[in-house]
């Protein structure tokens, strides 16, 4: 154990270098992600089911507890913790890239990784951002609309889209949500793959991820828009499309990491 800890700290002290990438790297990463999905579709679907099922459960909670105004913030903000939910997919891609057995059992093997503490720490940070977004969205809603708890869906939508306060809520809420999304994206775009691949600590992974965004702002903006568009498409058929979109994006993120980090 002492040897493992020593090796971990040695690697964690490194500062990975960043490459400049082009939009071609994004499309190539997506293509490779699709190839990974086709190569191992059965267990990838098994892993990816966690994402849409959790989304559906969150939606059910908003209805059951009369917090329907939080439905959109929950579904949109759930993407903030998407990189954490995809850690098993990164490991599958890593093993397949090296020609190793890439069954889903090896994805669960991350639980025995010397980096599991750093993975959980970074995941907790993203979860904290998600909860902060929900609290902010609820505060904005209560400050501007504050409809009765038993408000119907029709009355809620009418208040949102046909009143001045409703449109103010939309503008402020979406603007704040964009800031949360940019922050989460910046600290996590390559963080988890880097931790899994090189066992760096969470602060090093975050600094590297931010550096990757700073070195490639335009391309990373394109990547964020591509991820958002694909997630929206995956959500349209009652979140079922995420069963395919989630693993493809997860694998594509691994390949993007390989192109960005030296």
Protein backbone atom coordinates (compact mmCIF):
# COMPACT_ATOMS: atom_id res chain seq x y z
CA UNK A 1 0.00 0.00 0.00
CA UNK A 2 2.86 2.36 0.81
CA UNK A 3 4.33 1.77 -2.66
CA UNK A 4 0.98 2.52 -4.30
CA UNK A 5 0.60 5.73 -2.31
CA UNK A 6 4.15 6.79 -3.16
CA UNK A 7 3.57 6.16 -6.86
CA UNK A 8 0.29 8.07 -6.71
CA UNK A 9 1.91 11.14 -5.18
CA UNK A 10 4.77 11.04 -7.67
CA UNK A 11 2.38 11.05 -10.61
CA UNK A 12 0.09 13.59 -8.94
CA UNK A 13 3.00 15.99 -8.83
CA UNK A 14 3.23 16.11 -12.62
CA UNK A 15 1.62 18.87 -14.65
CA UNK A 16 0.35 17.41 -17.94
CA UNK A 17 0.92 19.48 -21.06
CA UNK A 18 -1.90 20.59 -23.36
CA UNK A 19 -2.13 20.35 -27.14
CA UNK A 20 -4.01 22.67 -29.47
CA UNK A 21 -6.86 20.89 -31.22
CA UNK A 22 -9.19 21.63 -34.14
CA UNK A 23 -12.87 20.95 -34.85
CA UNK A 24 -11.69 17.90 -36.81
CA UNK A 25 -10.53 16.40 -33.51
CA UNK A 26 -14.07 16.74 -32.16
CA UNK A 27 -15.68 14.88 -35.04
CA UNK A 28 -12.95 12.23 -34.94
CA UNK A 29 -13.51 11.77 -31.20
CA UNK A 30 -17.24 11.31 -31.76
CA UNK A 31 -16.54 8.81 -34.52
CA UNK A 32 -14.23 6.83 -32.25
CA UNK A 33 -16.81 7.01 -29.47
CA UNK A 34 -19.39 5.54 -31.83
CA UNK A 35 -16.96 2.77 -32.79
CA UNK A 36 -16.41 1.94 -29.11
CA UNK A 37 -20.15 1.79 -28.58
CA UNK A 38 -20.66 -0.53 -31.53
CA UNK A 39 -17.85 -2.79 -30.35
CA UNK A 40 -19.35 -3.32 -26.88
CA UNK A 41 -23.00 -2.23 -27.03
CA UNK A 42 -24.56 -4.65 -24.54
CA UNK A 43 -22.66 -3.75 -21.37
CA UNK A 44 -22.41 -0.11 -22.38
CA UNK A 45 -26.20 0.08 -22.51
CA UNK A 46 -26.25 -1.57 -19.07
CA UNK A 47 -23.96 1.14 -17.66
CA UNK A 48 -25.72 3.95 -19.54
CA UNK A 49 -29.15 2.98 -18.19
CA UNK A 50 -28.14 4.61 -14.91
CA UNK A 51 -28.37 8.05 -16.50
CA UNK A 52 -31.88 8.03 -18.04
CA UNK A 53 -33.35 6.02 -15.16
CA UNK A 54 -32.00 8.54 -12.66
CA UNK A 55 -33.40 11.36 -14.79
CA UNK A 56 -36.84 9.76 -14.89
CA UNK A 57 -36.77 9.26 -11.11
CA UNK A 58 -35.89 12.91 -10.60
CA UNK A 59 -38.78 13.93 -12.84
CA UNK A 60 -41.13 11.69 -10.87
CA UNK A 61 -39.99 13.25 -7.60
CA UNK A 62 -40.80 16.76 -8.83
CA UNK A 63 -44.35 15.68 -9.62
CA UNK A 64 -44.87 13.61 -6.47
CA UNK A 65 -43.71 16.36 -4.11
CA UNK A 66 -45.36 19.28 -5.95
CA UNK A 67 -42.05 20.86 -6.97
CA UNK A 68 -42.83 20.87 -10.69
CA UNK A 69 -40.99 24.21 -11.15
CA UNK A 70 -37.74 22.31 -10.46
CA UNK A 71 -38.34 19.77 -13.23
CA UNK A 72 -36.50 21.74 -15.93
CA UNK A 73 -33.62 22.78 -13.63
CA UNK A 74 -33.23 19.15 -12.55
CA UNK A 75 -33.19 17.72 -16.06
CA UNK A 76 -30.93 20.44 -17.44
CA UNK A 77 -28.67 20.55 -14.40
CA UNK A 78 -28.35 16.76 -14.35
CA UNK A 79 -25.90 17.18 -17.22
CA UNK A 80 -23.53 18.83 -14.74
CA UNK A 81 -22.80 15.45 -13.17
CA UNK A 82 -22.74 13.59 -16.51
CA UNK A 83 -18.90 13.38 -16.59
CA UNK A 84 -18.97 11.65 -13.18
CA UNK A 85 -21.67 9.23 -14.32
CA UNK A 86 -19.52 8.23 -17.31
CA UNK A 87 -16.39 7.16 -15.42
CA UNK A 88 -17.01 3.49 -16.19
CA UNK A 89 -17.16 4.29 -19.88
CA UNK A 90 -13.77 6.02 -19.77
CA UNK A 91 -12.23 2.89 -18.29
CA UNK A 92 -13.80 0.69 -20.97
CA UNK A 93 -12.37 2.96 -23.67
CA UNK A 94 -8.96 2.97 -22.01
CA UNK A 95 -8.81 -0.82 -21.90
CA UNK A 96 -10.12 -1.21 -25.44
CA UNK A 97 -7.50 1.27 -26.68
CA UNK A 98 -4.79 -0.89 -25.09
CA UNK A 99 -6.22 -4.11 -26.54
CA UNK A 100 -7.29 -5.41 -23.11
CA UNK A 101 -10.52 -7.10 -22.08
CA UNK A 102 -13.10 -4.29 -21.97
CA UNK A 103 -16.09 -6.00 -20.37
CA UNK A 104 -18.21 -3.96 -17.95
CA UNK A 105 -16.74 -5.84 -14.98
CA UNK A 106 -13.50 -3.95 -15.53
CA UNK A 107 -15.40 -0.66 -15.40
CA UNK A 108 -16.52 -1.63 -11.90
CA UNK A 109 -12.87 -2.38 -11.15
CA UNK A 110 -12.37 1.37 -10.78
CA UNK A 111 -13.68 0.93 -7.25
CA UNK A 112 -10.32 -0.70 -6.43
CA UNK A 113 -8.27 1.97 -8.20
CA UNK A 114 -5.78 3.96 -6.12
CA UNK A 115 -7.45 7.05 -7.61
CA UNK A 116 -10.96 6.24 -6.38
CA UNK A 117 -10.71 8.87 -3.63
CA UNK A 118 -9.85 11.59 -6.15
CA UNK A 119 -12.63 10.43 -8.46
CA UNK A 120 -15.16 10.62 -5.63
CA UNK A 121 -13.84 14.02 -4.55
CA UNK A 122 -14.25 15.48 -8.03
CA UNK A 123 -17.65 13.83 -8.34
CA UNK A 124 -18.69 15.40 -5.04
CA UNK A 125 -17.66 18.81 -6.39
CA UNK A 126 -19.84 18.38 -9.47
CA UNK A 127 -22.71 17.15 -7.30
CA UNK A 128 -22.28 20.26 -5.16
CA UNK A 129 -22.55 22.43 -8.28
CA UNK A 130 -25.70 20.55 -9.26
CA UNK A 131 -27.28 21.15 -5.84
CA UNK A 132 -26.20 24.81 -5.88
CA UNK A 133 -27.88 25.20 -9.28
CA UNK A 134 -31.11 23.68 -7.97
CA UNK A 135 -31.08 25.96 -4.93
CA UNK A 136 -30.45 29.00 -7.14
CA UNK A 137 -33.23 28.02 -9.56
CA UNK A 138 -35.68 27.54 -6.69
CA UNK A 139 -34.69 30.90 -5.15
CA UNK A 140 -35.23 32.69 -8.47
CA UNK A 141 -38.62 31.00 -8.92
CA UNK A 142 -39.79 31.84 -5.39
CA UNK A 143 -38.61 35.44 -5.73
CA UNK A 144 -40.42 36.08 -9.02
CA UNK A 145 -43.44 33.79 -9.27
CA UNK A 146 -44.00 31.87 -6.02
CA UNK A 147 -47.10 30.07 -7.30
CA UNK A 148 -49.13 27.86 -4.92
CA UNK A 149 -47.71 24.39 -4.29
CA UNK A 150 -50.75 22.75 -5.92
CA UNK A 151 -50.55 24.85 -9.11
CA UNK A 152 -51.53 22.90 -12.23
CA UNK A 153 -49.11 22.37 -15.09
CA UNK A 154 -51.25 24.56 -17.36
CA UNK A 155 -51.35 27.45 -14.89
CA UNK A 156 -47.62 27.16 -14.24
CA UNK A 157 -46.74 27.27 -17.94
CA UNK A 158 -49.13 30.17 -18.49
CA UNK A 159 -47.48 32.16 -15.68
CA UNK A 160 -44.02 31.42 -17.05
CA UNK A 161 -44.66 32.29 -20.70
CA UNK A 162 -47.34 34.99 -20.53
CA UNK A 163 -46.21 37.22 -17.65
CA UNK A 164 -43.38 39.72 -17.32
CA UNK A 165 -42.05 38.02 -14.17
CA UNK A 166 -42.13 34.70 -15.97
CA UNK A 167 -39.91 35.97 -18.77
CA UNK A 168 -37.57 37.63 -16.28
CA UNK A 169 -37.28 34.27 -14.55
CA UNK A 170 -36.48 32.58 -17.86
CA UNK A 171 -33.76 35.10 -18.75
CA UNK A 172 -32.13 35.18 -15.31
CA UNK A 173 -32.45 31.43 -14.78
CA UNK A 174 -30.96 30.50 -18.12
CA UNK A 175 -28.16 33.04 -17.77
CA UNK A 176 -27.22 31.69 -14.35
CA UNK A 177 -27.56 28.14 -15.61
CA UNK A 178 -25.12 28.95 -18.41
CA UNK A 179 -22.55 30.12 -15.86
CA UNK A 180 -22.96 26.89 -13.88
CA UNK A 181 -22.60 24.88 -17.09
CA UNK A 182 -19.43 26.73 -18.14
CA UNK A 183 -17.88 26.20 -14.70
CA UNK A 184 -18.75 22.50 -14.60
CA UNK A 185 -17.57 21.99 -18.17
CA UNK A 186 -14.27 23.77 -17.55
CA UNK A 187 -13.32 21.73 -14.50
CA UNK A 188 -14.45 18.36 -15.83
CA UNK A 189 -13.96 18.23 -19.61
CA UNK A 190 -10.83 16.05 -19.28
CA UNK A 191 -10.51 15.69 -15.49
CA UNK A 192 -11.95 12.23 -14.95
CA UNK A 193 -10.12 10.57 -17.87
CA UNK A 194 -6.89 12.17 -16.66
CA UNK A 195 -7.36 10.84 -13.11
CA UNK A 196 -8.18 7.36 -14.41
CA UNK A 197 -5.31 7.31 -16.89
CA UNK A 198 -2.49 8.90 -14.88
CA UNK A 199 -3.73 8.83 -11.27
CA UNK A 200 -3.26 12.56 -10.76
CA UNK A 201 -4.99 14.24 -7.84
CA UNK A 202 -8.21 16.21 -8.28
CA UNK A 203 -6.61 19.71 -8.12
CA UNK A 204 -4.11 18.77 -10.84
CA UNK A 205 -6.89 17.31 -12.98
CA UNK A 206 -8.99 20.46 -12.56
CA UNK A 207 -6.08 22.76 -13.42
CA UNK A 208 -5.32 20.68 -16.50
CA UNK A 209 -8.96 20.73 -17.59
CA UNK A 210 -9.18 24.51 -17.21
CA UNK A 211 -5.89 24.87 -19.09
CA UNK A 212 -7.31 22.74 -21.92
CA UNK A 213 -10.29 25.10 -22.20
CA UNK A 214 -8.09 28.19 -22.05
CA UNK A 215 -5.77 26.81 -24.76
CA UNK A 216 -8.66 25.86 -27.05
CA UNK A 217 -11.56 28.21 -26.21
CA UNK A 218 -13.26 28.17 -29.60
CA UNK A 219 -12.98 24.42 -30.13
CA UNK A 220 -14.06 23.67 -26.57
CA UNK A 221 -17.07 25.94 -27.07
CA UNK A 222 -17.98 23.86 -30.12
CA UNK A 223 -17.57 20.70 -28.06
CA UNK A 224 -19.85 22.04 -25.34
CA UNK A 225 -22.49 22.92 -27.92
CA UNK A 226 -22.19 19.49 -29.54
CA UNK A 227 -22.57 17.74 -26.18
CA UNK A 228 -25.57 19.91 -25.28
CA UNK A 229 -27.24 19.28 -28.64
CA UNK A 230 -26.75 15.52 -28.41
CA UNK A 231 -28.03 15.41 -24.83
CA UNK A 232 -31.14 17.36 -25.86
CA UNK A 233 -31.76 14.92 -28.70
CA UNK A 234 -31.26 12.02 -26.30
CA UNK A 235 -33.79 13.50 -23.86
CA UNK A 236 -36.56 14.01 -26.42
CA UNK A 237 -37.97 10.45 -26.47
CA UNK A 238 -38.56 10.39 -22.69
CA UNK A 239 -34.80 10.22 -22.01
CA UNK A 240 -34.55 6.85 -23.78
CA UNK A 241 -32.17 8.25 -26.36
CA UNK A 242 -29.61 8.77 -23.59
CA UNK A 243 -29.05 5.00 -23.61
CA UNK A 244 -27.14 5.56 -26.85
CA UNK A 245 -26.07 9.19 -26.50
CA UNK A 246 -24.55 8.77 -23.05
CA UNK A 247 -22.06 5.99 -23.87
CA UNK A 248 -21.10 7.57 -27.21
CA UNK A 249 -20.34 10.88 -25.49
CA UNK A 250 -18.53 9.10 -22.68
CA UNK A 251 -16.22 7.30 -25.09
CA UNK A 252 -15.80 10.40 -27.24
CA UNK A 253 -14.71 12.32 -24.13
CA UNK A 254 -11.97 9.76 -23.54
CA UNK A 255 -10.68 10.11 -27.09
CA UNK A 256 -10.87 13.90 -26.85
CA UNK A 257 -8.78 13.71 -23.68
CA UNK A 258 -6.17 11.65 -25.53
CA UNK A 259 -5.97 14.34 -28.21
CA UNK A 260 -5.81 17.29 -25.80
CA UNK A 261 -3.45 16.05 -23.08
CA UNK A 262 0.11 15.12 -24.03
